[in-house]
Amino acid sequence: MSVATITLSSKGQIVIPKEIRDQLHWHAGTQITLLPGASGVTLKAVPKKTGRRLEDLIGMLKHEGPPLSTEALCAPVDYSVDWSASGRNARGADLGCLKG
């Protein structure tokens, strides 16, 4: 990353050098958040909204087979037997929830 020294104008404005704007992919219209801190100010681009709503996500994950009941989805799962047999716990980690 580049480092630049800039000057605050009489109107309280600064210009972010083009090289830095290009590195950060900041273009005209990019919204930036100023975070004041003890040693100065941090600039962060506001994340772009994707325009998606929760309703737009319905159906993204596909399930093969019959629908599962809420009770079946919420039932505790014991991966210990499968995890031990898989040999993937060679380092001794107990990560049954990450069974793959």
Protein backbone atom coordinates (compact mmCIF):
# COMPACT_ATOMS: atom_id res chain seq x y z
CA MET A 1 0.00 0.00 0.00
CA SER A 2 1.08 3.51 -0.72
CA VAL A 3 1.56 6.21 1.86
CA ALA A 4 0.75 9.83 1.03
CA THR A 5 0.84 13.12 2.88
CA ILE A 6 -2.08 15.35 2.01
CA THR A 7 -3.19 18.82 3.10
CA LEU A 8 -6.54 19.81 4.53
CA SER A 9 -8.06 22.66 2.53
CA SER A 10 -9.57 25.82 4.04
CA LYS A 11 -12.99 24.21 3.40
CA GLY A 12 -12.01 21.09 5.37
CA GLN A 13 -11.57 18.97 2.25
CA ILE A 14 -8.87 16.50 1.32
CA VAL A 15 -7.96 14.86 -1.97
CA ILE A 16 -7.12 11.16 -1.87
CA PRO A 17 -4.34 10.58 -4.42
CA LYS A 18 -5.38 8.71 -7.58
CA GLU A 19 -2.84 5.94 -6.96
CA ILE A 20 -4.47 5.14 -3.61
CA ARG A 21 -8.02 5.46 -4.99
CA ASP A 22 -7.07 3.03 -7.76
CA GLN A 23 -5.54 0.54 -5.29
CA LEU A 24 -8.73 0.62 -3.21
CA HIS A 25 -11.05 0.66 -6.24
CA TRP A 26 -12.65 3.88 -4.97
CA HIS A 27 -14.41 5.77 -7.74
CA ALA A 28 -16.51 8.93 -7.83
CA GLY A 29 -19.57 8.31 -5.68
CA THR A 30 -17.91 5.81 -3.33
CA GLN A 31 -19.25 6.41 0.15
CA ILE A 32 -16.56 6.54 2.83
CA THR A 33 -16.91 6.28 6.60
CA LEU A 34 -14.60 8.36 8.82
CA LEU A 35 -13.64 6.64 12.07
CA PRO A 36 -11.95 9.03 14.51
CA GLY A 37 -9.31 7.48 16.75
CA ALA A 38 -6.68 8.52 19.25
CA SER A 39 -3.97 8.84 16.59
CA GLY A 40 -6.05 10.20 13.70
CA VAL A 41 -8.83 9.17 11.34
CA THR A 42 -9.40 5.90 9.54
CA LEU A 43 -11.21 5.95 6.20
CA LYS A 44 -13.29 2.92 5.21
CA ALA A 45 -15.45 2.42 2.15
CA VAL A 46 -19.07 1.71 2.98
CA PRO A 47 -19.85 -1.82 1.74
CA LYS A 48 -22.00 -1.79 -1.37
CA LYS A 49 -25.49 -3.14 -0.90
CA THR A 50 -26.23 -6.10 -3.10
CA GLY A 51 -29.88 -5.20 -3.44
CA ARG A 52 -30.87 -8.65 -2.21
CA ARG A 53 -33.58 -9.16 0.31
CA LEU A 54 -34.08 -12.21 2.49
CA GLU A 55 -36.93 -13.25 0.25
CA ASP A 56 -34.51 -13.34 -2.71
CA LEU A 57 -32.44 -16.02 -0.96
CA ILE A 58 -35.26 -18.55 -0.63
CA GLY A 59 -34.47 -21.62 -2.69
CA MET A 60 -30.73 -20.97 -3.05
CA LEU A 61 -29.81 -24.08 -1.07
CA LYS A 62 -31.17 -27.25 -2.62
CA HIS A 63 -32.02 -30.39 -0.67
CA GLU A 64 -32.34 -33.75 -2.40
CA GLY A 65 -35.06 -35.90 -0.90
CA PRO A 66 -38.20 -35.34 1.12
CA PRO A 67 -38.68 -32.17 3.16
CA LEU A 68 -37.27 -32.26 6.69
CA SER A 69 -39.39 -31.29 9.67
CA THR A 70 -38.33 -28.51 11.99
CA GLU A 71 -37.88 -31.12 14.72
CA ALA A 72 -35.52 -33.14 12.53
CA LEU A 73 -33.50 -30.04 11.65
CA CYS A 74 -33.19 -29.01 15.31
CA ALA A 75 -32.37 -32.48 16.66
CA PRO A 76 -28.91 -32.84 18.22
CA VAL A 77 -26.37 -34.55 15.99
CA ASP A 78 -23.70 -36.90 17.27
CA TYR A 79 -20.84 -36.96 14.78
CA SER A 80 -18.42 -38.68 17.15
CA VAL A 81 -18.82 -42.15 15.62
CA ASP A 82 -18.44 -40.93 12.03
CA TRP A 83 -15.67 -38.49 12.98
CA SER A 84 -13.59 -41.13 14.75
CA ALA A 85 -14.00 -43.58 11.87
CA SER A 86 -13.06 -41.02 9.24
CA GLY A 87 -9.49 -40.58 10.54
CA ARG A 88 -9.76 -36.83 9.99
CA ASN A 89 -9.14 -36.12 13.67
CA ALA A 90 -5.48 -37.10 13.42
CA ARG A 91 -4.41 -33.92 15.21
CA GLY A 92 -6.79 -34.61 18.09
CA ALA A 93 -9.17 -31.78 17.22
CA ASP A 94 -12.80 -32.38 18.10
CA LEU A 95 -14.49 -30.60 15.22
CA GLY A 96 -17.43 -32.92 14.62
CA CYS A 97 -19.53 -30.01 13.42
CA LEU A 98 -17.14 -29.59 10.46
CA LYS A 99 -17.52 -33.16 9.22
CA GLY A 100 -17.11 -33.10 5.47
